[in-house]
Amino acid sequence: MATQKQRQAARRNVRKAVDAAKKKRTIANLPKKTRSALGQQGAAVARRQRTGGRGPKTRQELYDEAKRRGIPGRSKMGRDELARALGER
């Protein structure tokens, strides 16, 4: 048998789950400007992979390269800092 404290905690958790579901935190609900930027970024990555181009890379691509090379402090670096540390700019 669950105690009163356990039942209250369960009710609280259910309420939290319902609230989170109502917020619908998906890409479709992001601002149009953000969705456009994500689409452009994805298209640039795909284009670069198709053509083998060396255009500007995303922060994630730069971070992965920095991780492979073992550059210290990479997790706190921004895109430009990562590019500089990798010698890409």
N, C-alpha and C. Protein backbone atom coordinates (compact mmCIF):
# COMPACT_ATOMS: atom_id res chain seq x y z
N MET A 1 0.84 -1.17 0.00
CA MET A 1 0.00 0.00 0.00
C MET A 1 0.89 1.25 0.00
N ALA A 2 0.59 2.17 -0.86
CA ALA A 2 1.35 3.40 -0.96
C ALA A 2 0.98 4.36 0.16
N THR A 3 1.98 5.07 0.64
CA THR A 3 1.70 6.06 1.68
C THR A 3 1.10 7.32 1.05
N GLN A 4 0.59 8.19 1.89
CA GLN A 4 0.00 9.43 1.39
C GLN A 4 1.06 10.27 0.68
N LYS A 5 2.26 10.28 1.21
CA LYS A 5 3.35 11.05 0.60
C LYS A 5 3.66 10.52 -0.81
N GLN A 6 3.65 9.20 -0.97
CA GLN A 6 3.92 8.59 -2.28
C GLN A 6 2.82 8.92 -3.28
N ARG A 7 1.56 8.90 -2.81
CA ARG A 7 0.44 9.24 -3.70
C ARG A 7 0.53 10.69 -4.15
N GLN A 8 0.90 11.58 -3.24
CA GLN A 8 1.04 13.00 -3.58
C GLN A 8 2.15 13.18 -4.62
N ALA A 9 3.26 12.47 -4.42
CA ALA A 9 4.38 12.57 -5.36
C ALA A 9 3.96 12.05 -6.74
N ALA A 10 3.19 10.97 -6.76
CA ALA A 10 2.73 10.42 -8.04
C ALA A 10 1.82 11.41 -8.75
N ARG A 11 0.90 12.04 -8.01
CA ARG A 11 0.01 13.04 -8.62
C ARG A 11 0.82 14.21 -9.18
N ARG A 12 1.82 14.64 -8.42
CA ARG A 12 2.67 15.74 -8.86
C ARG A 12 3.41 15.37 -10.15
N ASN A 13 3.91 14.16 -10.22
CA ASN A 13 4.62 13.71 -11.42
C ASN A 13 3.68 13.63 -12.63
N VAL A 14 2.46 13.19 -12.42
CA VAL A 14 1.49 13.12 -13.51
C VAL A 14 1.19 14.53 -14.02
N ARG A 15 1.01 15.47 -13.10
CA ARG A 15 0.75 16.86 -13.51
C ARG A 15 1.92 17.43 -14.32
N LYS A 16 3.13 17.13 -13.89
CA LYS A 16 4.32 17.60 -14.62
C LYS A 16 4.35 17.02 -16.03
N ALA A 17 4.02 15.73 -16.15
CA ALA A 17 4.03 15.09 -17.46
C ALA A 17 2.96 15.69 -18.37
N VAL A 18 1.80 15.98 -17.83
CA VAL A 18 0.72 16.58 -18.62
C VAL A 18 1.14 17.97 -19.09
N ASP A 19 1.73 18.77 -18.20
CA ASP A 19 2.18 20.11 -18.56
C ASP A 19 3.23 20.05 -19.66
N ALA A 20 4.16 19.12 -19.55
CA ALA A 20 5.21 18.99 -20.57
C ALA A 20 4.61 18.60 -21.92
N ALA A 21 3.62 17.71 -21.91
CA ALA A 21 2.98 17.29 -23.16
C ALA A 21 2.23 18.44 -23.81
N LYS A 22 1.67 19.32 -23.00
CA LYS A 22 0.92 20.46 -23.54
C LYS A 22 1.84 21.47 -24.23
N LYS A 23 3.08 21.55 -23.78
CA LYS A 23 4.01 22.53 -24.35
C LYS A 23 4.44 22.16 -25.77
N LYS A 24 4.37 20.88 -26.13
CA LYS A 24 4.70 20.41 -27.48
C LYS A 24 6.01 21.02 -27.98
N ARG A 25 7.10 20.72 -27.32
CA ARG A 25 8.39 21.29 -27.67
C ARG A 25 8.98 20.52 -28.85
N THR A 26 8.50 20.83 -30.05
CA THR A 26 8.99 20.18 -31.25
C THR A 26 9.46 21.24 -32.23
N ILE A 27 10.13 20.81 -33.27
CA ILE A 27 10.63 21.75 -34.29
C ILE A 27 9.47 22.50 -34.93
N ALA A 28 8.35 21.83 -35.12
CA ALA A 28 7.19 22.47 -35.76
C ALA A 28 6.69 23.66 -34.97
N ASN A 29 6.92 23.67 -33.66
CA ASN A 29 6.44 24.76 -32.83
C ASN A 29 7.50 25.83 -32.56
N LEU A 30 8.65 25.73 -33.18
CA LEU A 30 9.68 26.76 -33.03
C LEU A 30 9.31 27.96 -33.89
N PRO A 31 9.87 29.13 -33.60
CA PRO A 31 9.60 30.30 -34.44
C PRO A 31 10.04 30.06 -35.88
N LYS A 32 9.35 30.69 -36.82
CA LYS A 32 9.63 30.50 -38.24
C LYS A 32 11.09 30.81 -38.57
N LYS A 33 11.62 31.87 -37.97
CA LYS A 33 13.00 32.27 -38.22
C LYS A 33 13.98 31.15 -37.83
N THR A 34 13.72 30.51 -36.70
CA THR A 34 14.57 29.42 -36.23
C THR A 34 14.46 28.21 -37.15
N ARG A 35 13.22 27.88 -37.56
CA ARG A 35 13.03 26.74 -38.46
C ARG A 35 13.76 26.97 -39.78
N SER A 36 13.68 28.20 -40.30
CA SER A 36 14.37 28.52 -41.55
C SER A 36 15.87 28.37 -41.41
N ALA A 37 16.41 28.87 -40.30
CA ALA A 37 17.85 28.79 -40.06
C ALA A 37 18.30 27.33 -39.97
N LEU A 38 17.51 26.50 -39.29
CA LEU A 38 17.86 25.09 -39.19
C LEU A 38 17.83 24.42 -40.56
N GLY A 39 16.83 24.76 -41.37
CA GLY A 39 16.74 24.19 -42.71
C GLY A 39 17.90 24.60 -43.58
N GLN A 40 18.29 25.88 -43.50
CA GLN A 40 19.42 26.36 -44.30
C GLN A 40 20.72 25.70 -43.87
N GLN A 41 20.88 25.53 -42.57
CA GLN A 41 22.08 24.89 -42.05
C GLN A 41 22.14 23.44 -42.53
N GLY A 42 21.02 22.73 -42.45
CA GLY A 42 20.98 21.34 -42.90
C GLY A 42 21.25 21.22 -44.39
N ALA A 43 20.71 22.16 -45.18
CA ALA A 43 20.94 22.14 -46.62
C ALA A 43 22.41 22.39 -46.94
N ALA A 44 23.05 23.29 -46.19
CA ALA A 44 24.46 23.58 -46.42
C ALA A 44 25.33 22.36 -46.11
N VAL A 45 25.00 21.66 -45.04
CA VAL A 45 25.76 20.45 -44.68
C VAL A 45 25.59 19.40 -45.76
N ALA A 46 24.36 19.19 -46.22
CA ALA A 46 24.10 18.19 -47.26
C ALA A 46 24.82 18.55 -48.56
N ARG A 47 24.79 19.83 -48.92
CA ARG A 47 25.46 20.29 -50.13
C ARG A 47 26.96 20.04 -50.05
N ARG A 48 27.54 20.35 -48.88
CA ARG A 48 28.97 20.16 -48.70
C ARG A 48 29.34 18.68 -48.77
N GLN A 49 28.49 17.81 -48.24
CA GLN A 49 28.76 16.38 -48.28
C GLN A 49 28.65 15.84 -49.70
N ARG A 50 27.68 16.39 -50.47
CA ARG A 50 27.51 15.93 -51.86
C ARG A 50 28.68 16.35 -52.72
N THR A 51 29.11 17.59 -52.57
CA THR A 51 30.13 18.14 -53.46
C THR A 51 31.54 18.00 -52.92
N GLY A 52 31.67 17.68 -51.64
CA GLY A 52 33.00 17.57 -51.05
C GLY A 52 33.62 18.94 -50.83
N GLY A 53 32.79 19.99 -50.78
CA GLY A 53 33.29 21.36 -50.61
C GLY A 53 33.86 21.59 -49.23
N ARG A 54 34.65 22.66 -49.13
CA ARG A 54 35.27 22.99 -47.85
C ARG A 54 34.71 24.29 -47.27
N GLY A 55 33.45 24.57 -47.54
CA GLY A 55 32.83 25.80 -47.05
C GLY A 55 32.76 25.84 -45.54
N PRO A 56 32.17 26.88 -45.00
CA PRO A 56 32.07 26.99 -43.54
C PRO A 56 31.33 25.81 -42.94
N LYS A 57 31.88 25.27 -41.87
CA LYS A 57 31.28 24.11 -41.22
C LYS A 57 30.39 24.55 -40.06
N THR A 58 29.49 23.66 -39.64
CA THR A 58 28.65 23.94 -38.49
C THR A 58 29.47 23.76 -37.22
N ARG A 59 28.95 24.27 -36.11
CA ARG A 59 29.66 24.15 -34.85
C ARG A 59 29.83 22.67 -34.50
N GLN A 60 28.80 21.87 -34.75
CA GLN A 60 28.87 20.45 -34.42
C GLN A 60 29.96 19.75 -35.21
N GLU A 61 30.08 20.07 -36.49
CA GLU A 61 31.14 19.46 -37.31
C GLU A 61 32.51 19.87 -36.80
N LEU A 62 32.65 21.16 -36.46
CA LEU A 62 33.93 21.64 -35.93
C LEU A 62 34.24 20.99 -34.58
N TYR A 63 33.21 20.86 -33.74
CA TYR A 63 33.39 20.24 -32.43
C TYR A 63 33.84 18.79 -32.57
N ASP A 64 33.23 18.05 -33.48
CA ASP A 64 33.60 16.66 -33.69
C ASP A 64 35.06 16.54 -34.13
N GLU A 65 35.49 17.44 -35.00
CA GLU A 65 36.88 17.44 -35.46
C GLU A 65 37.82 17.78 -34.30
N ALA A 66 37.43 18.78 -33.47
CA ALA A 66 38.26 19.16 -32.32
C ALA A 66 38.35 18.00 -31.33
N LYS A 67 37.26 17.28 -31.16
CA LYS A 67 37.26 16.12 -30.26
C LYS A 67 38.21 15.05 -30.78
N ARG A 68 38.17 14.84 -32.10
CA ARG A 68 39.05 13.85 -32.71
C ARG A 68 40.52 14.22 -32.52
N ARG A 69 40.81 15.53 -32.60
CA ARG A 69 42.19 16.00 -32.44
C ARG A 69 42.60 16.21 -30.98
N GLY A 70 41.61 16.15 -30.07
CA GLY A 70 41.91 16.28 -28.65
C GLY A 70 42.21 17.71 -28.21
N ILE A 71 41.53 18.69 -28.77
CA ILE A 71 41.76 20.09 -28.42
C ILE A 71 41.10 20.38 -27.07
N PRO A 72 41.88 20.88 -26.09
CA PRO A 72 41.30 21.15 -24.76
C PRO A 72 40.38 22.37 -24.78
N GLY A 73 39.35 22.34 -23.94
CA GLY A 73 38.42 23.46 -23.81
C GLY A 73 37.40 23.57 -24.94
N ARG A 74 37.31 22.56 -25.76
CA ARG A 74 36.44 22.62 -26.95
C ARG A 74 34.96 22.74 -26.60
N SER A 75 34.55 22.17 -25.47
CA SER A 75 33.12 22.20 -25.14
C SER A 75 32.62 23.61 -24.82
N LYS A 76 33.52 24.48 -24.40
CA LYS A 76 33.12 25.84 -24.06
C LYS A 76 33.32 26.81 -25.22
N MET A 77 33.87 26.33 -26.32
CA MET A 77 34.15 27.20 -27.47
C MET A 77 32.93 27.35 -28.37
N GLY A 78 32.84 28.52 -28.97
CA GLY A 78 31.82 28.77 -29.98
C GLY A 78 32.32 28.34 -31.35
N ARG A 79 31.51 28.54 -32.37
CA ARG A 79 31.85 28.11 -33.72
C ARG A 79 33.14 28.77 -34.21
N ASP A 80 33.24 30.10 -34.06
CA ASP A 80 34.42 30.80 -34.55
C ASP A 80 35.69 30.39 -33.80
N GLU A 81 35.55 30.21 -32.48
CA GLU A 81 36.71 29.80 -31.69
C GLU A 81 37.18 28.40 -32.10
N LEU A 82 36.25 27.51 -32.35
CA LEU A 82 36.61 26.16 -32.79
C LEU A 82 37.32 26.21 -34.14
N ALA A 83 36.79 27.02 -35.06
CA ALA A 83 37.41 27.14 -36.38
C ALA A 83 38.84 27.67 -36.25
N ARG A 84 39.04 28.67 -35.39
CA ARG A 84 40.38 29.22 -35.18
C ARG A 84 41.32 28.19 -34.58
N ALA A 85 40.83 27.45 -33.57
CA ALA A 85 41.64 26.44 -32.91
C ALA A 85 42.04 25.32 -33.88
N LEU A 86 41.17 25.05 -34.84
CA LEU A 86 41.47 24.01 -35.82
C LEU A 86 42.28 24.53 -36.99
N GLY A 87 42.49 25.84 -37.02
CA GLY A 87 43.25 26.44 -38.12
C GLY A 87 42.46 26.55 -39.40
N GLU A 88 41.14 26.64 -39.29
CA GLU A 88 40.30 26.71 -40.49
C GLU A 88 40.03 28.14 -40.92
N ARG A 89 40.45 29.12 -40.11
CA ARG A 89 40.25 30.52 -40.46
C ARG A 89 41.51 31.28 -40.20
